[in-house]
C-alpha cells in the first residue's frame, strides 16, 4: 500500500511537471507570436494587406460594376454601383419604383432624389462630396496613401471582438481622418472607424467588413454593416462584381434641369 502510494505520487509529480512544461511552452509560443506581431512595421503590415487584396492586379482595372441589396430597418432595396478610374462614381438605388442617383465626377457631385418632389439634379453637399470622393477610389485610401496626399500613423495592436488587429490612422488630404483595423492573421480590413459631421453634429461612424471572396485573384468584402454612434444603420450585401465593363461616360455628367412648361393664357 505504501509502495502504491509512492508510485502514484511519482506519476502525479511527473504529470504535473509535464503540464507545467507544456504551459510554459504555450506561454512562450504566444509571447513569441505576439512579439513578432508587435515587431511588424506599418509598411510591412500594409505590404501584406496590398498583397492579400490583390492590388497589384486591381490597379490595372479601369471600371468596377457592382450590384446588390441594402437592408435598412427590414426593407431591402436593390442598388448598382459603377466606379471608373479615375475619380468617377455612380450609385443608383431603386426605391418604390423610383430611382435615387448619387454621382461623383472628378471633384464635382450631384444627386437626384425623387421623394423631394423634383427630378432635377442637385449639387451634393460638401461633406457628402468628400465622402464620395473616397468611394471613387477603386483600391481605397490606404493603397499608395502617400501618392494620394494622405498621412498614416501606426497605432499598434488591438483586440477587435477576440481578433488581433493592427490599427492604422489615416489623415486624408482634406483633413478628415479614419482608423483602419487590419486582421493580424489574414491582413484584410475588418473595420473602418471615423467621425463624421451630420446635420451639424459629430457622429462616430463605423463600417464592419465581412464575407471576403476572391474575384479574379482579387479579394473584396461582400458584406458591409454600418453603425452610427453604435447603432446599426444598414447592411449592404454585394451580389455581383464585374471588372472592365464598357461604361458610357455620359452617365456621370450632371443632367440639365427639365424645361419648364410655358403656361398659355386663354383669351
Protein backbone atom coordinates (compact mmCIF):
# COMPACT_ATOMS: atom_id res chain seq x y z
CA UNK A 1 0.00 0.00 0.00
CA UNK A 2 2.85 2.37 0.81
CA UNK A 3 4.59 1.41 -2.43
CA UNK A 4 1.46 2.01 -4.49
CA UNK A 5 1.00 5.46 -2.86
CA UNK A 6 4.62 6.36 -3.58
CA UNK A 7 4.25 5.23 -7.19
CA UNK A 8 1.08 7.33 -7.57
CA UNK A 9 2.89 10.31 -6.08
CA UNK A 10 5.79 9.96 -8.51
CA UNK A 11 3.48 9.63 -11.52
CA UNK A 12 1.39 12.60 -10.39
CA UNK A 13 4.51 14.70 -9.81
CA UNK A 14 5.82 13.80 -13.29
CA UNK A 15 2.44 14.63 -14.86
CA UNK A 16 2.40 17.97 -13.01
CA UNK A 17 5.88 18.80 -14.31
CA UNK A 18 4.82 17.93 -17.87
CA UNK A 19 1.76 20.16 -17.55
CA UNK A 20 3.96 23.00 -16.32
CA UNK A 21 6.37 22.48 -19.21
CA UNK A 22 3.52 22.43 -21.74
CA UNK A 23 2.02 25.54 -20.19
CA UNK A 24 5.40 27.25 -20.22
CA UNK A 25 5.92 26.28 -23.88
CA UNK A 26 2.45 27.57 -24.83
CA UNK A 27 3.11 30.83 -22.98
CA UNK A 28 6.46 31.25 -24.71
CA UNK A 29 4.89 30.50 -28.10
CA UNK A 30 2.14 33.07 -27.56
CA UNK A 31 4.72 35.61 -26.42
CA UNK A 32 6.87 34.85 -29.45
CA UNK A 33 3.94 35.27 -31.84
CA UNK A 34 2.88 38.48 -30.11
CA UNK A 35 6.45 39.75 -30.27
CA UNK A 36 6.56 39.00 -33.99
CA UNK A 37 3.25 40.80 -34.45
CA UNK A 38 4.50 43.80 -32.50
CA UNK A 39 7.77 43.80 -34.41
CA UNK A 40 5.99 44.35 -37.74
CA UNK A 41 6.26 47.89 -39.03
CA UNK A 42 3.37 49.77 -40.57
CA UNK A 43 4.91 49.42 -44.02
CA UNK A 44 5.15 45.64 -43.58
CA UNK A 45 1.52 45.44 -42.44
CA UNK A 46 0.39 47.47 -45.44
CA UNK A 47 2.52 45.45 -47.88
CA UNK A 48 0.84 42.26 -46.61
CA UNK A 49 -2.55 43.93 -46.92
CA UNK A 50 -1.84 45.03 -50.50
CA UNK A 51 -0.65 41.54 -51.46
CA UNK A 52 -3.60 39.72 -49.90
CA UNK A 53 -6.15 42.02 -51.56
CA UNK A 54 -4.50 41.65 -54.97
CA UNK A 55 -3.98 45.36 -55.52
CA UNK A 56 -1.17 44.65 -57.99
CA UNK A 57 -3.94 43.37 -60.30
CA UNK A 58 -6.71 45.72 -59.22
CA UNK A 59 -4.60 48.78 -60.09
CA UNK A 60 -4.91 47.76 -63.76
CA UNK A 61 -8.71 47.52 -63.60
CA UNK A 62 -10.41 50.59 -65.09
CA UNK A 63 -14.07 50.00 -64.25
CA UNK A 64 -15.88 48.11 -61.48
CA UNK A 65 -19.63 47.38 -61.63
CA UNK A 66 -21.36 46.01 -58.53
CA UNK A 67 -24.96 45.09 -57.79
CA UNK A 68 -26.55 44.09 -54.52
CA UNK A 69 -29.12 44.90 -51.88
CA UNK A 70 -29.17 47.35 -48.99
CA UNK A 71 -31.11 46.33 -45.87
CA UNK A 72 -32.36 49.11 -43.63
CA UNK A 73 -34.99 48.60 -40.92
CA UNK A 74 -36.08 45.37 -42.57
CA UNK A 75 -36.55 46.91 -46.01
CA UNK A 76 -34.44 45.63 -48.93
CA UNK A 77 -33.54 47.96 -51.78
CA UNK A 78 -31.53 46.92 -54.87
CA UNK A 79 -28.62 49.07 -55.99
CA UNK A 80 -25.98 49.36 -58.70
CA UNK A 81 -22.56 50.98 -58.22
CA UNK A 82 -20.35 51.92 -61.17
CA UNK A 83 -16.80 53.13 -60.48
CA UNK A 84 -14.49 54.34 -63.24
CA UNK A 85 -10.84 55.23 -62.88
CA UNK A 86 -10.01 57.93 -62.06
CA UNK A 87 -12.49 59.64 -59.74
CA UNK A 88 -15.86 58.67 -61.14
CA UNK A 89 -18.55 57.00 -59.04
CA UNK A 90 -22.27 56.46 -59.60
CA UNK A 91 -24.79 54.92 -57.19
CA UNK A 92 -28.31 54.02 -58.32
CA UNK A 93 -30.89 52.80 -55.79
CA UNK A 94 -34.39 51.57 -56.63
CA UNK A 95 -36.88 52.82 -54.02
CA UNK A 96 -40.56 52.03 -54.52
CA UNK A 97 -40.30 52.14 -58.29
CA UNK A 98 -38.26 55.33 -58.34
CA UNK A 99 -34.53 55.74 -58.86
CA UNK A 100 -32.28 57.66 -56.48
CA UNK A 101 -28.94 58.64 -58.04
CA UNK A 102 -25.71 59.94 -56.49
CA UNK A 103 -22.69 60.80 -58.65
CA UNK A 104 -19.13 61.92 -58.01
CA UNK A 105 -17.27 63.16 -61.09
CA UNK A 106 -13.69 64.39 -60.68
CA UNK A 107 -14.25 66.98 -57.97
CA UNK A 108 -17.93 67.68 -58.56
CA UNK A 109 -21.02 65.77 -57.49
CA UNK A 110 -24.77 65.71 -57.89
CA UNK A 111 -27.81 63.71 -56.87
CA UNK A 112 -31.41 63.04 -57.83
CA UNK A 113 -33.88 62.29 -55.03
CA UNK A 114 -37.44 61.78 -56.37
CA UNK A 115 -39.01 61.95 -52.90
CA UNK A 116 -38.04 65.64 -52.70
CA UNK A 117 -40.69 66.34 -55.31
CA UNK A 118 -38.17 67.14 -58.07
CA UNK A 119 -36.36 65.01 -60.64
CA UNK A 120 -33.82 67.75 -61.29
CA UNK A 121 -30.19 67.04 -60.33
CA UNK A 122 -28.95 68.92 -57.27
CA UNK A 123 -25.37 69.60 -56.16
CA UNK A 124 -24.03 67.32 -53.43
CA UNK A 125 -23.41 68.96 -50.02
CA UNK A 126 -19.67 69.44 -49.24
CA UNK A 127 -19.50 66.68 -46.58
CA UNK A 128 -21.12 64.12 -48.86
CA UNK A 129 -18.88 65.22 -51.72
CA UNK A 130 -15.78 64.41 -49.64
CA UNK A 131 -17.17 61.01 -48.71
CA UNK A 132 -17.97 60.10 -52.31
CA UNK A 133 -14.54 61.20 -53.45
CA UNK A 134 -13.06 58.45 -51.26
CA UNK A 135 -15.61 55.92 -52.54
CA UNK A 136 -14.49 56.71 -56.09
CA UNK A 137 -11.01 55.40 -55.23
CA UNK A 138 -11.14 51.82 -56.57
CA UNK A 139 -8.37 50.44 -54.31
CA UNK A 140 -9.34 52.52 -51.29
CA UNK A 141 -7.48 55.26 -49.46
CA UNK A 142 -4.85 53.04 -47.78
CA UNK A 143 -3.30 51.91 -51.04
CA UNK A 144 -0.42 54.20 -52.07
CA UNK A 145 -1.63 56.69 -49.47
CA UNK A 146 1.45 58.92 -49.79
CA UNK A 147 0.91 59.47 -53.51
CA UNK A 148 -2.69 60.47 -52.74
CA UNK A 149 -1.59 63.11 -50.24
CA UNK A 150 -2.73 61.21 -47.13
CA UNK A 151 -0.73 60.67 -43.93
CA UNK A 152 -0.66 57.39 -41.97
CA UNK A 153 0.10 56.69 -38.31
CA UNK A 154 0.64 53.23 -36.82
CA UNK A 155 -1.40 52.83 -33.61
CA UNK A 156 -0.13 49.33 -32.76
CA UNK A 157 -2.06 46.18 -31.96
CA UNK A 158 -5.56 45.94 -30.50
CA UNK A 159 -8.31 43.39 -29.92
CA UNK A 160 -11.45 43.53 -32.06
CA UNK A 161 -14.03 41.19 -30.56
CA UNK A 162 -11.43 38.46 -30.00
CA UNK A 163 -9.43 39.07 -33.18
CA UNK A 164 -5.97 40.61 -33.03
CA UNK A 165 -5.81 43.62 -35.33
CA UNK A 166 -3.34 46.28 -36.42
CA UNK A 167 -4.67 49.82 -36.16
CA UNK A 168 -3.65 52.45 -38.69
CA UNK A 169 -4.93 56.00 -38.56
CA UNK A 170 -5.14 57.73 -41.93
CA UNK A 171 -5.44 61.51 -42.20
CA UNK A 172 -6.86 62.33 -45.61
CA UNK A 173 -5.69 65.17 -47.82
CA UNK A 174 -8.84 67.14 -46.90
CA UNK A 175 -8.07 66.99 -43.16
CA UNK A 176 -10.57 64.28 -42.20
CA UNK A 177 -9.29 61.09 -40.59
CA UNK A 178 -10.24 57.43 -40.27
CA UNK A 179 -8.86 54.43 -38.41
CA UNK A 180 -8.48 51.05 -40.10
CA UNK A 181 -8.47 47.73 -38.21
CA UNK A 182 -6.47 45.11 -40.16
CA UNK A 183 -6.70 41.43 -39.23
CA UNK A 184 -3.23 40.46 -37.91
CA UNK A 185 -3.55 36.94 -39.35
CA UNK A 186 -5.34 37.39 -42.67
CA UNK A 187 -4.43 41.03 -43.43
CA UNK A 188 -7.87 42.22 -44.51
CA UNK A 189 -9.59 45.36 -43.19
CA UNK A 190 -12.27 44.26 -40.72
CA UNK A 191 -13.40 47.72 -39.65
CA UNK A 192 -13.12 51.38 -40.56
CA UNK A 193 -13.92 53.99 -37.93
CA UNK A 194 -14.26 57.75 -38.31
CA UNK A 195 -16.03 60.85 -37.04
CA UNK A 196 -18.43 62.47 -39.50
CA UNK A 197 -20.44 65.66 -39.43
CA UNK A 198 -24.16 65.06 -39.88
CA UNK A 199 -26.56 67.99 -39.71
CA UNK A 200 -24.11 69.94 -37.57
CA UNK A 201 -23.45 67.07 -35.15
CA UNK A 202 -20.29 64.95 -34.89
CA UNK A 203 -21.16 61.26 -35.13
CA UNK A 204 -18.99 58.18 -34.74
CA UNK A 205 -19.26 56.14 -37.91
CA UNK A 206 -18.18 52.50 -38.13
CA UNK A 207 -18.16 50.17 -41.12
CA UNK A 208 -17.66 46.43 -40.50
CA UNK A 209 -16.45 44.31 -43.42
CA UNK A 210 -17.04 40.56 -43.79
CA UNK A 211 -17.72 37.71 -46.24
CA UNK A 212 -14.45 38.15 -48.15
CA UNK A 213 -14.38 36.42 -51.54
CA UNK A 214 -11.88 36.18 -54.41
CA UNK A 215 -12.85 37.71 -57.76
CA UNK A 216 -10.27 37.04 -60.49
CA UNK A 217 -7.44 36.73 -57.92
CA UNK A 218 -8.58 39.89 -56.13
CA UNK A 219 -10.20 39.83 -52.68
CA UNK A 220 -13.11 42.01 -51.62
CA UNK A 221 -15.72 42.02 -48.83
CA UNK A 222 -19.23 41.13 -49.95
CA UNK A 223 -20.92 42.38 -46.79
CA UNK A 224 -20.77 45.79 -45.10
CA UNK A 225 -22.51 46.83 -41.90
CA UNK A 226 -22.66 50.47 -40.90
CA UNK A 227 -23.10 51.77 -37.36
CA UNK A 228 -23.77 55.33 -36.24
CA UNK A 229 -22.88 56.05 -32.60
CA UNK A 230 -23.02 52.30 -32.01
CA UNK A 231 -26.48 51.86 -33.53
CA UNK A 232 -26.82 49.61 -36.59
CA UNK A 233 -27.66 51.69 -39.64
CA UNK A 234 -27.76 49.49 -42.70
CA UNK A 235 -26.31 46.27 -44.05
CA UNK A 236 -25.05 46.13 -47.62
CA UNK A 237 -24.75 42.77 -49.38
CA UNK A 238 -22.89 42.60 -52.69
CA UNK A 239 -24.28 40.08 -55.19
CA UNK A 240 -22.25 40.58 -58.38
CA UNK A 241 -18.91 42.18 -59.23
CA UNK A 242 -17.67 42.75 -62.77
CA UNK A 243 -14.42 44.30 -63.93
CA UNK A 244 -13.70 46.40 -67.01
CA UNK A 245 -17.24 46.57 -68.36
CA UNK A 246 -17.78 49.19 -71.04
CA UNK A 247 -19.30 52.29 -69.43
CA UNK A 248 -20.98 55.29 -71.07
CA UNK A 249 -19.13 58.28 -69.56
CA UNK A 250 -22.20 60.48 -70.07
CA UNK A 251 -23.88 58.90 -67.02
CA UNK A 252 -21.53 60.92 -64.79
CA UNK A 253 -22.47 64.27 -66.30
CA UNK A 254 -25.00 66.36 -64.41
CA UNK A 255 -28.23 66.48 -66.44
CA UNK A 256 -29.78 69.82 -67.28
CA UNK A 257 -32.99 70.76 -65.47
CA UNK A 258 -36.21 69.70 -67.13
CA UNK A 259 -37.68 72.52 -69.24
CA UNK A 260 -40.49 74.42 -67.55
CA UNK A 261 -43.74 74.16 -69.45
CA UNK A 262 -44.99 77.56 -70.60
CA UNK A 263 -48.48 78.46 -69.48
CA UNK A 264 -50.74 79.96 -72.10
CA UNK A 265 -53.47 82.38 -71.18
CA UNK A 266 -56.90 81.86 -72.60
CA UNK A 267 -58.24 84.84 -74.37
